[in-house]
Amino acid sequence: MTTWIKDDNPIYSEVSANESINTSVRDLRNALDIYIGDRNLNITGSRIQGIVSVRLDQQVNDGIIKAYKNVVLENLGDTLKVNYTVAAVEPLNFISITASVSRF
């Protein structure tokens, strides 16, 4: 646990959930760093978006993240901005059991 109390967002209050997202971003950055310095052509955005989707799919398969959606690239000329929504892998902190008593 962390000392975050502003809201109940598990990314800021659970260390392992935060690490899930940090690992996702680091892995994605490592996969894309080799393209920095390349020419930004009309097909560059499509190529990068494909790489992002493949990496995020692999992260789900590897258990780094739970899921992702809404991958959007913004082409800002000399910058490609990658935006996505991601669900962190959270720890199982509690197991709730409810027993209903009845005569059979």
N, C-alpha and C. Protein backbone atom coordinates (compact mmCIF):
# COMPACT_ATOMS: atom_id res chain seq x y z
N MET A 1 0.84 -1.18 0.00
CA MET A 1 0.00 0.00 0.00
C MET A 1 0.89 1.25 0.00
N THR A 2 0.31 2.33 -0.50
CA THR A 2 0.99 3.62 -0.48
C THR A 2 0.19 4.57 0.40
N THR A 3 0.61 5.80 0.46
CA THR A 3 -0.09 6.80 1.28
C THR A 3 -1.09 7.62 0.46
N TRP A 4 -1.34 7.25 -0.80
CA TRP A 4 -2.26 7.98 -1.66
C TRP A 4 -3.67 7.92 -1.09
N ILE A 5 -4.33 9.07 -0.85
CA ILE A 5 -5.68 9.08 -0.29
C ILE A 5 -6.65 9.97 -1.07
N LYS A 6 -6.19 10.57 -2.17
CA LYS A 6 -7.04 11.48 -2.92
C LYS A 6 -8.28 10.78 -3.46
N ASP A 7 -8.12 9.54 -3.97
CA ASP A 7 -9.24 8.75 -4.46
C ASP A 7 -8.89 7.28 -4.29
N ASP A 8 -9.76 6.38 -4.75
CA ASP A 8 -9.50 4.95 -4.56
C ASP A 8 -8.91 4.29 -5.81
N ASN A 9 -8.24 5.07 -6.66
CA ASN A 9 -7.61 4.52 -7.85
C ASN A 9 -6.50 3.56 -7.43
N PRO A 10 -6.64 2.26 -7.75
CA PRO A 10 -5.65 1.28 -7.29
C PRO A 10 -4.26 1.49 -7.87
N ILE A 11 -4.15 2.22 -8.96
CA ILE A 11 -2.84 2.46 -9.54
C ILE A 11 -1.98 3.29 -8.60
N TYR A 12 -2.60 4.14 -7.83
CA TYR A 12 -1.86 5.00 -6.91
C TYR A 12 -1.83 4.45 -5.49
N SER A 13 -2.69 3.52 -5.15
CA SER A 13 -2.75 3.02 -3.77
C SER A 13 -2.20 1.61 -3.61
N GLU A 14 -2.06 0.86 -4.68
CA GLU A 14 -1.51 -0.50 -4.62
C GLU A 14 -0.18 -0.52 -5.36
N VAL A 15 0.87 -0.87 -4.68
CA VAL A 15 2.20 -0.87 -5.29
C VAL A 15 2.26 -1.84 -6.47
N SER A 16 1.69 -3.02 -6.35
CA SER A 16 1.78 -4.00 -7.44
C SER A 16 0.94 -3.56 -8.64
N ALA A 17 -0.18 -2.91 -8.44
CA ALA A 17 -0.97 -2.40 -9.56
C ALA A 17 -0.21 -1.28 -10.27
N ASN A 18 0.45 -0.45 -9.50
CA ASN A 18 1.27 0.62 -10.07
C ASN A 18 2.41 0.03 -10.89
N GLU A 19 3.02 -1.02 -10.39
CA GLU A 19 4.12 -1.67 -11.12
C GLU A 19 3.61 -2.30 -12.41
N SER A 20 2.39 -2.80 -12.43
CA SER A 20 1.79 -3.35 -13.64
C SER A 20 1.78 -2.31 -14.75
N ILE A 21 1.33 -1.11 -14.43
CA ILE A 21 1.25 -0.05 -15.43
C ILE A 21 2.64 0.47 -15.80
N ASN A 22 3.50 0.64 -14.81
CA ASN A 22 4.86 1.10 -15.11
C ASN A 22 5.59 0.11 -16.02
N THR A 23 5.43 -1.17 -15.78
CA THR A 23 6.05 -2.19 -16.63
C THR A 23 5.49 -2.14 -18.03
N SER A 24 4.18 -1.93 -18.15
CA SER A 24 3.54 -1.82 -19.46
C SER A 24 4.13 -0.66 -20.26
N VAL A 25 4.23 0.49 -19.64
CA VAL A 25 4.75 1.68 -20.32
C VAL A 25 6.23 1.49 -20.68
N ARG A 26 7.02 0.94 -19.77
CA ARG A 26 8.45 0.72 -20.06
C ARG A 26 8.63 -0.26 -21.23
N ASP A 27 7.85 -1.35 -21.23
CA ASP A 27 7.94 -2.33 -22.30
C ASP A 27 7.56 -1.72 -23.64
N LEU A 28 6.49 -0.94 -23.64
CA LEU A 28 6.05 -0.29 -24.87
C LEU A 28 7.09 0.72 -25.36
N ARG A 29 7.66 1.49 -24.45
CA ARG A 29 8.69 2.45 -24.81
C ARG A 29 9.90 1.73 -25.41
N ASN A 30 10.31 0.61 -24.81
CA ASN A 30 11.45 -0.15 -25.34
C ASN A 30 11.18 -0.66 -26.75
N ALA A 31 9.95 -1.06 -27.03
CA ALA A 31 9.61 -1.57 -28.36
C ALA A 31 9.59 -0.45 -29.40
N LEU A 32 9.34 0.78 -28.99
CA LEU A 32 9.20 1.89 -29.93
C LEU A 32 10.45 2.75 -30.06
N ASP A 33 11.35 2.68 -29.10
CA ASP A 33 12.54 3.53 -29.11
C ASP A 33 13.36 3.39 -30.39
N ILE A 34 13.38 2.21 -30.99
CA ILE A 34 14.21 2.00 -32.19
C ILE A 34 13.73 2.82 -33.38
N TYR A 35 12.49 3.34 -33.31
CA TYR A 35 11.94 4.12 -34.43
C TYR A 35 12.22 5.62 -34.30
N ILE A 36 12.71 6.05 -33.14
CA ILE A 36 13.03 7.46 -32.97
C ILE A 36 14.20 7.80 -33.90
N GLY A 37 14.03 8.83 -34.69
CA GLY A 37 15.02 9.23 -35.68
C GLY A 37 14.64 8.82 -37.09
N ASP A 38 13.67 7.89 -37.23
CA ASP A 38 13.19 7.50 -38.56
C ASP A 38 12.37 8.64 -39.17
N ARG A 39 12.22 8.60 -40.46
CA ARG A 39 11.36 9.59 -41.13
C ARG A 39 9.91 9.30 -40.80
N ASN A 40 9.15 10.36 -40.53
CA ASN A 40 7.73 10.22 -40.21
C ASN A 40 6.94 10.34 -41.52
N LEU A 41 6.72 9.19 -42.14
CA LEU A 41 6.01 9.14 -43.41
C LEU A 41 4.53 8.88 -43.17
N ASN A 42 3.74 8.87 -44.24
CA ASN A 42 2.31 8.61 -44.12
C ASN A 42 2.01 7.24 -43.50
N ILE A 43 2.86 6.25 -43.71
CA ILE A 43 2.62 4.91 -43.19
C ILE A 43 3.18 4.71 -41.78
N THR A 44 3.94 5.67 -41.26
CA THR A 44 4.60 5.50 -39.97
C THR A 44 3.58 5.29 -38.85
N GLY A 45 2.53 6.07 -38.83
CA GLY A 45 1.51 5.93 -37.78
C GLY A 45 0.87 4.56 -37.77
N SER A 46 0.54 4.05 -38.95
CA SER A 46 -0.07 2.72 -39.04
C SER A 46 0.89 1.65 -38.55
N ARG A 47 2.16 1.78 -38.93
CA ARG A 47 3.16 0.79 -38.51
C ARG A 47 3.32 0.81 -36.99
N ILE A 48 3.42 2.01 -36.41
CA ILE A 48 3.59 2.14 -34.97
C ILE A 48 2.34 1.62 -34.24
N GLN A 49 1.16 1.93 -34.77
CA GLN A 49 -0.07 1.46 -34.12
C GLN A 49 -0.12 -0.06 -34.11
N GLY A 50 0.32 -0.69 -35.19
CA GLY A 50 0.37 -2.14 -35.24
C GLY A 50 1.33 -2.71 -34.20
N ILE A 51 2.48 -2.08 -34.05
CA ILE A 51 3.47 -2.53 -33.06
C ILE A 51 2.90 -2.38 -31.65
N VAL A 52 2.24 -1.26 -31.40
CA VAL A 52 1.64 -1.01 -30.08
C VAL A 52 0.62 -2.11 -29.77
N SER A 53 -0.26 -2.42 -30.71
CA SER A 53 -1.29 -3.43 -30.47
C SER A 53 -0.68 -4.80 -30.21
N VAL A 54 0.35 -5.17 -30.98
CA VAL A 54 1.01 -6.46 -30.78
C VAL A 54 1.66 -6.51 -29.40
N ARG A 55 2.36 -5.44 -29.00
CA ARG A 55 3.02 -5.42 -27.68
C ARG A 55 2.00 -5.49 -26.55
N LEU A 56 0.90 -4.73 -26.68
CA LEU A 56 -0.11 -4.76 -25.62
C LEU A 56 -0.80 -6.11 -25.55
N ASP A 57 -1.05 -6.74 -26.70
CA ASP A 57 -1.59 -8.10 -26.69
C ASP A 57 -0.64 -9.04 -25.96
N GLN A 58 0.65 -8.90 -26.21
CA GLN A 58 1.65 -9.75 -25.55
C GLN A 58 1.69 -9.48 -24.05
N GLN A 59 1.53 -8.22 -23.66
CA GLN A 59 1.50 -7.89 -22.24
C GLN A 59 0.32 -8.56 -21.54
N VAL A 60 -0.83 -8.60 -22.21
CA VAL A 60 -1.99 -9.29 -21.64
C VAL A 60 -1.67 -10.77 -21.49
N ASN A 61 -1.11 -11.37 -22.54
CA ASN A 61 -0.76 -12.80 -22.50
C ASN A 61 0.26 -13.11 -21.42
N ASP A 62 1.20 -12.18 -21.19
CA ASP A 62 2.25 -12.38 -20.20
C ASP A 62 1.80 -12.03 -18.78
N GLY A 63 0.59 -11.50 -18.62
CA GLY A 63 0.09 -11.15 -17.30
C GLY A 63 0.63 -9.84 -16.76
N ILE A 64 1.18 -9.00 -17.63
CA ILE A 64 1.68 -7.69 -17.19
C ILE A 64 0.51 -6.74 -16.95
N ILE A 65 -0.46 -6.75 -17.86
CA ILE A 65 -1.68 -5.96 -17.72
C ILE A 65 -2.88 -6.89 -17.87
N LYS A 66 -4.02 -6.45 -17.39
CA LYS A 66 -5.23 -7.26 -17.49
C LYS A 66 -5.88 -7.09 -18.86
N ALA A 67 -5.93 -5.86 -19.35
CA ALA A 67 -6.58 -5.57 -20.63
C ALA A 67 -6.21 -4.15 -21.06
N TYR A 68 -6.54 -3.86 -22.32
CA TYR A 68 -6.34 -2.52 -22.84
C TYR A 68 -7.40 -2.26 -23.90
N LYS A 69 -7.60 -0.98 -24.22
CA LYS A 69 -8.52 -0.59 -25.30
C LYS A 69 -8.20 0.83 -25.73
N ASN A 70 -8.86 1.25 -26.79
CA ASN A 70 -8.78 2.64 -27.26
C ASN A 70 -7.37 3.11 -27.57
N VAL A 71 -6.63 2.32 -28.36
CA VAL A 71 -5.30 2.77 -28.79
C VAL A 71 -5.49 3.83 -29.87
N VAL A 72 -4.98 5.02 -29.62
CA VAL A 72 -5.10 6.13 -30.55
C VAL A 72 -3.73 6.78 -30.69
N LEU A 73 -3.32 7.01 -31.92
CA LEU A 73 -2.07 7.72 -32.19
C LEU A 73 -2.38 9.11 -32.69
N GLU A 74 -1.65 10.09 -32.18
CA GLU A 74 -1.75 11.46 -32.67
C GLU A 74 -0.44 11.79 -33.37
N ASN A 75 -0.51 12.17 -34.62
CA ASN A 75 0.67 12.56 -35.38
C ASN A 75 0.84 14.07 -35.24
N LEU A 76 1.86 14.48 -34.51
CA LEU A 76 2.11 15.90 -34.25
C LEU A 76 3.33 16.40 -35.03
N GLY A 77 3.59 15.79 -36.18
CA GLY A 77 4.72 16.20 -37.01
C GLY A 77 5.98 15.45 -36.64
N ASP A 78 6.75 16.00 -35.69
CA ASP A 78 7.96 15.31 -35.26
C ASP A 78 7.73 14.41 -34.06
N THR A 79 6.47 14.26 -33.67
CA THR A 79 6.11 13.45 -32.51
C THR A 79 4.90 12.60 -32.83
N LEU A 80 4.94 11.32 -32.46
CA LEU A 80 3.76 10.47 -32.47
C LEU A 80 3.37 10.24 -31.01
N LYS A 81 2.17 10.63 -30.66
CA LYS A 81 1.69 10.48 -29.29
C LYS A 81 0.80 9.24 -29.24
N VAL A 82 1.15 8.28 -28.39
CA VAL A 82 0.40 7.04 -28.24
C VAL A 82 -0.47 7.16 -26.99
N ASN A 83 -1.77 6.99 -27.17
CA ASN A 83 -2.72 7.04 -26.05
C ASN A 83 -3.45 5.70 -26.00
N TYR A 84 -3.63 5.16 -24.80
CA TYR A 84 -4.43 3.95 -24.65
C TYR A 84 -4.98 3.88 -23.24
N THR A 85 -6.05 3.13 -23.08
CA THR A 85 -6.65 2.88 -21.78
C THR A 85 -6.22 1.49 -21.36
N VAL A 86 -5.77 1.36 -20.13
CA VAL A 86 -5.22 0.09 -19.67
C VAL A 86 -5.79 -0.29 -18.30
N ALA A 87 -5.99 -1.59 -18.11
CA ALA A 87 -6.42 -2.12 -16.82
C ALA A 87 -5.23 -2.83 -16.19
N ALA A 88 -4.86 -2.41 -15.01
CA ALA A 88 -3.73 -3.00 -14.29
C ALA A 88 -4.08 -4.37 -13.74
N VAL A 89 -3.05 -5.17 -13.53
CA VAL A 89 -3.22 -6.41 -12.77
C VAL A 89 -3.17 -6.02 -11.30
N GLU A 90 -4.23 -6.32 -10.59
CA GLU A 90 -4.33 -5.96 -9.18
C GLU A 90 -4.14 -7.19 -8.31
N PRO A 91 -3.66 -7.00 -7.09
CA PRO A 91 -3.52 -8.15 -6.19
C PRO A 91 -4.88 -8.57 -5.63
N LEU A 92 -4.97 -9.82 -5.30
CA LEU A 92 -6.16 -10.32 -4.61
C LEU A 92 -5.94 -10.05 -3.13
N ASN A 93 -6.62 -9.06 -2.60
CA ASN A 93 -6.44 -8.66 -1.20
C ASN A 93 -7.44 -9.31 -0.26
N PHE A 94 -8.60 -9.66 -0.76
CA PHE A 94 -9.64 -10.19 0.10
C PHE A 94 -10.39 -11.29 -0.62
N ILE A 95 -10.93 -12.23 0.14
CA ILE A 95 -11.87 -13.21 -0.37
C ILE A 95 -13.07 -13.15 0.56
N SER A 96 -14.21 -12.79 0.00
CA SER A 96 -15.43 -12.66 0.77
C SER A 96 -16.25 -13.94 0.61
N ILE A 97 -16.72 -14.47 1.74
CA ILE A 97 -17.53 -15.69 1.71
C ILE A 97 -18.87 -15.39 2.34
N THR A 98 -19.92 -15.77 1.64
CA THR A 98 -21.27 -15.61 2.17
C THR A 98 -21.92 -16.98 2.21
N ALA A 99 -22.36 -17.38 3.38
CA ALA A 99 -23.04 -18.66 3.53
C ALA A 99 -24.51 -18.39 3.84
N SER A 100 -25.38 -18.96 3.07
CA SER A 100 -26.82 -18.84 3.31
C SER A 100 -27.28 -20.13 3.99
N VAL A 101 -27.86 -20.00 5.15
CA VAL A 101 -28.30 -21.17 5.92
C VAL A 101 -29.74 -21.48 5.55
N SER A 102 -30.00 -22.74 5.30
CA SER A 102 -31.34 -23.15 4.90
C SER A 102 -31.54 -24.61 5.27
N ARG A 103 -32.82 -25.01 5.47
CA ARG A 103 -33.15 -26.43 5.66
C ARG A 103 -33.47 -27.02 4.30
N PHE A 104 -32.93 -28.17 4.04
CA PHE A 104 -33.19 -28.84 2.77
C PHE A 104 -34.16 -29.94 2.98
